[in-house]
Amino acid sequence: MLLRKQLESISQAYPRHQQCAYLERLAQYNKHNIRPVADPWPESNYTCLVYALGLCNSRVYQQIVARNEEVFAGPEFAQYLISQSAIKRSKQVQAGDLVLYCSGSDEDKTVCHAGILDEDGLVVSKWGLGGLWQHGLLEVPASYGKNINYFEAVDSERMLNWFLKYARSRGADNARPRFNIQSLKEA
């Protein structure tokens, strides 16, 4: 748990370039598997869930978020996906699966973080305002929760369609000169 508390401090206090240096120093006395991953998108343009659902390159997603401050792929959207059975629990965990970190009990679970399981059994995820990291399952900041749930790998187009449904349910503005939510096909 000490590592997770240290990661919490590092992820909240420092920008990405400084996080790397602190993680290198941390490894000298607290071994870990955390490594930076090349990040092709501006770090401020996406959340961990946007990355994990494959929405980083979606102009449609970006347009909706730009016009509707309260509508984005965050914890509420993750809960929506679960409640609508839009994502399915993995029966056999494998590379490419969606990994959701939660806090709370089974009855009152809150999704706090998301990533993708890689072929090495490690997770690739975005931490806060920093970039992408490859890390062990519990090598994440403490606030990301301790309950880990695996869901089958997702298709980004399908997730975009679910996001459109979610955005409509939250009253997203669809008065756009070149884009209309209603005209896009249902998931």
Protein backbone atom coordinates (compact mmCIF):
# COMPACT_ATOMS: atom_id res chain seq x y z
CA MET A 1 0.00 0.00 0.00
CA LEU A 2 2.96 2.32 0.57
CA LEU A 3 3.78 2.22 -3.16
CA ARG A 4 0.21 3.21 -4.04
CA LYS A 5 0.28 6.15 -1.63
CA GLN A 6 3.59 7.28 -3.12
CA LEU A 7 2.13 6.98 -6.63
CA GLU A 8 -0.82 9.08 -5.49
CA SER A 9 1.51 11.89 -4.43
CA ILE A 10 3.60 11.69 -7.61
CA SER A 11 0.60 11.60 -9.96
CA GLN A 12 -1.07 14.61 -8.33
CA ALA A 13 1.92 16.83 -7.65
CA TYR A 14 4.04 16.62 -10.78
CA PRO A 15 3.69 16.90 -14.57
CA ARG A 16 4.56 13.85 -16.68
CA HIS A 17 8.20 14.72 -17.37
CA GLN A 18 8.85 15.04 -13.63
CA GLN A 19 6.79 11.93 -12.82
CA CYS A 20 9.25 9.82 -14.83
CA ALA A 21 12.21 11.02 -12.75
CA TYR A 22 10.38 10.44 -9.47
CA LEU A 23 9.32 6.94 -10.55
CA GLU A 24 12.94 6.09 -11.40
CA ARG A 25 14.02 7.21 -7.93
CA LEU A 26 11.13 5.34 -6.31
CA ALA A 27 12.24 2.10 -8.01
CA GLN A 28 15.55 2.25 -6.15
CA TYR A 29 13.86 1.43 -2.84
CA ASN A 30 10.39 0.25 -3.84
CA LYS A 31 10.57 -2.07 -6.86
CA HIS A 32 7.85 -1.64 -9.47
CA ASN A 33 7.06 -2.37 -13.13
CA ILE A 34 5.86 1.12 -14.06
CA ARG A 35 7.11 2.38 -17.42
CA PRO A 36 6.06 5.34 -19.57
CA VAL A 37 4.30 4.50 -22.84
CA ALA A 38 4.53 6.68 -25.96
CA ASP A 39 1.56 9.02 -25.87
CA PRO A 40 0.43 10.20 -29.34
CA TRP A 41 -2.29 12.53 -27.98
CA PRO A 42 -2.01 15.71 -25.93
CA GLU A 43 -2.29 14.59 -22.30
CA SER A 44 -5.01 17.10 -21.47
CA ASN A 45 -7.28 15.87 -24.30
CA TYR A 46 -8.41 12.58 -22.81
CA THR A 47 -9.16 10.58 -19.67
CA CYS A 48 -8.21 7.04 -18.75
CA LEU A 49 -11.63 5.80 -19.91
CA VAL A 50 -11.42 7.66 -23.23
CA TYR A 51 -8.12 5.86 -23.84
CA ALA A 52 -9.38 2.45 -22.68
CA LEU A 53 -12.51 2.66 -24.86
CA GLY A 54 -10.54 3.75 -27.95
CA LEU A 55 -12.16 7.19 -28.24
CA CYS A 56 -8.98 9.31 -28.32
CA ASN A 57 -9.07 9.76 -32.10
CA SER A 58 -12.83 10.28 -32.35
CA ARG A 59 -13.67 13.74 -33.67
CA VAL A 60 -17.34 13.05 -32.90
CA TYR A 61 -16.51 12.38 -29.24
CA GLN A 62 -14.36 15.54 -29.08
CA GLN A 63 -17.15 17.65 -30.61
CA ILE A 64 -19.71 16.45 -28.09
CA VAL A 65 -17.37 17.05 -25.15
CA ALA A 66 -16.39 20.51 -26.44
CA ARG A 67 -20.05 21.56 -26.58
CA ASN A 68 -21.25 19.88 -23.38
CA GLU A 69 -19.03 20.39 -20.33
CA GLU A 70 -20.92 17.89 -18.16
CA VAL A 71 -20.88 15.08 -20.74
CA PHE A 72 -17.67 13.09 -21.06
CA ALA A 73 -16.37 9.54 -20.74
CA GLY A 74 -15.77 9.45 -17.00
CA PRO A 75 -16.99 7.39 -14.03
CA GLU A 76 -20.70 8.03 -14.72
CA PHE A 77 -20.30 6.84 -18.30
CA ALA A 78 -18.49 3.71 -17.09
CA GLN A 79 -21.39 3.02 -14.69
CA TYR A 80 -23.81 3.59 -17.56
CA LEU A 81 -21.99 1.03 -19.73
CA ILE A 82 -22.15 -1.53 -16.93
CA SER A 83 -25.82 -0.84 -16.13
CA GLN A 84 -26.78 -1.13 -19.82
CA SER A 85 -24.76 -4.35 -20.26
CA ALA A 86 -22.81 -2.57 -23.01
CA ILE A 87 -19.62 -4.16 -21.72
CA LYS A 88 -19.43 -7.81 -20.74
CA ARG A 89 -17.39 -9.30 -17.93
CA SER A 90 -14.50 -11.44 -19.13
CA LYS A 91 -14.97 -15.13 -18.55
CA GLN A 92 -11.31 -15.71 -19.37
CA VAL A 93 -9.04 -12.72 -18.84
CA GLN A 94 -6.83 -12.01 -21.87
CA ALA A 95 -4.79 -9.29 -23.54
CA GLY A 96 -6.94 -6.45 -24.85
CA ASP A 97 -9.50 -6.71 -22.05
CA LEU A 98 -10.82 -3.57 -20.41
CA VAL A 99 -9.68 -3.24 -16.79
CA LEU A 100 -11.87 -1.16 -14.47
CA TYR A 101 -10.64 -0.16 -11.02
CA CYS A 102 -13.39 0.46 -8.49
CA SER A 103 -13.80 1.58 -4.92
CA GLY A 104 -16.61 0.70 -2.56
CA SER A 105 -18.55 -2.50 -2.04
CA ASP A 106 -20.25 -4.57 -4.73
CA GLU A 107 -23.56 -2.82 -3.98
CA ASP A 108 -22.06 0.66 -3.99
CA LYS A 109 -19.19 0.33 -6.45
CA THR A 110 -17.72 3.44 -8.06
CA VAL A 111 -15.51 3.19 -11.15
CA CYS A 112 -12.36 5.21 -10.46
CA HIS A 113 -9.93 4.22 -13.22
CA ALA A 114 -9.65 2.28 -16.49
CA GLY A 115 -6.95 0.66 -18.57
CA ILE A 116 -6.25 -2.10 -21.07
CA LEU A 117 -4.58 -5.40 -20.21
CA ASP A 118 -1.54 -5.99 -22.42
CA GLU A 119 0.07 -9.23 -23.61
CA ASP A 120 2.52 -9.21 -20.67
CA GLY A 121 -0.31 -9.23 -18.12
CA LEU A 122 0.37 -5.58 -17.31
CA VAL A 123 -2.07 -2.70 -17.67
CA VAL A 124 -1.68 0.35 -19.90
CA SER A 125 -3.59 3.34 -18.55
CA LYS A 126 -3.56 7.12 -18.28
CA TRP A 127 -3.02 8.64 -14.86
CA GLY A 128 -4.74 11.95 -14.13
CA LEU A 129 -3.21 14.81 -16.05
CA GLY A 130 -0.16 12.72 -16.95
CA GLY A 131 0.26 10.41 -19.89
CA LEU A 132 0.12 6.68 -20.49
CA TRP A 133 1.85 4.16 -18.23
CA GLN A 134 2.40 0.43 -18.34
CA HIS A 135 2.14 -1.01 -14.83
CA GLY A 136 1.26 -3.99 -12.67
CA LEU A 137 -2.38 -4.44 -11.69
CA LEU A 138 -2.04 -2.70 -8.32
CA GLU A 139 0.76 -0.33 -9.28
CA VAL A 140 -1.62 2.62 -9.51
CA PRO A 141 -2.37 5.59 -7.25
CA ALA A 142 -4.32 4.62 -4.12
CA SER A 143 -7.38 6.70 -5.09
CA TYR A 144 -8.00 4.45 -8.11
CA GLY A 145 -9.57 1.79 -5.90
CA LYS A 146 -8.59 -1.74 -4.99
CA ASN A 147 -11.33 -3.75 -6.70
CA ILE A 148 -10.32 -4.84 -10.19
CA ASN A 149 -12.90 -5.89 -12.78
CA TYR A 150 -12.17 -7.31 -16.22
CA PHE A 151 -14.42 -6.80 -19.22
CA GLU A 152 -14.07 -8.17 -22.73
CA ALA A 153 -12.10 -6.07 -25.19
CA VAL A 154 -14.25 -3.31 -26.65
CA ASP A 155 -14.82 -2.02 -30.17
CA SER A 156 -14.29 1.74 -30.35
CA GLU A 157 -17.12 2.33 -32.86
CA ARG A 158 -19.53 0.44 -30.64
CA MET A 159 -18.33 2.45 -27.62
CA LEU A 160 -18.81 5.69 -29.55
CA ASN A 161 -22.41 4.70 -30.28
CA TRP A 162 -22.97 3.95 -26.60
CA PHE A 163 -21.44 7.32 -25.75
CA LEU A 164 -23.89 8.99 -28.14
CA LYS A 165 -26.80 7.29 -26.33
CA TYR A 166 -25.37 8.39 -23.02
CA ALA A 167 -24.86 11.96 -24.26
CA ARG A 168 -28.49 12.11 -25.41
CA SER A 169 -29.66 10.80 -22.04
CA ARG A 170 -27.72 13.65 -20.40
CA GLY A 171 -29.26 16.30 -22.68
CA ALA A 172 -26.24 16.84 -24.92
CA ASP A 173 -26.59 19.77 -27.27
CA ASN A 174 -27.09 18.40 -30.77
CA ALA A 175 -27.55 21.70 -32.61
CA ARG A 176 -24.41 21.53 -34.67
CA PRO A 177 -23.81 22.94 -38.12
CA ARG A 178 -21.94 19.83 -39.32
CA PHE A 179 -22.96 17.23 -36.77
CA ASN A 180 -26.26 15.97 -35.40
CA ILE A 181 -26.34 13.28 -32.72
CA GLN A 182 -29.77 12.07 -33.82
CA SER A 183 -28.54 11.24 -37.31
CA LEU A 184 -25.93 8.74 -36.16
CA LYS A 185 -26.91 5.09 -36.07
CA GLU A 186 -27.79 3.45 -32.78
CA ALA A 187 -25.38 1.02 -31.12
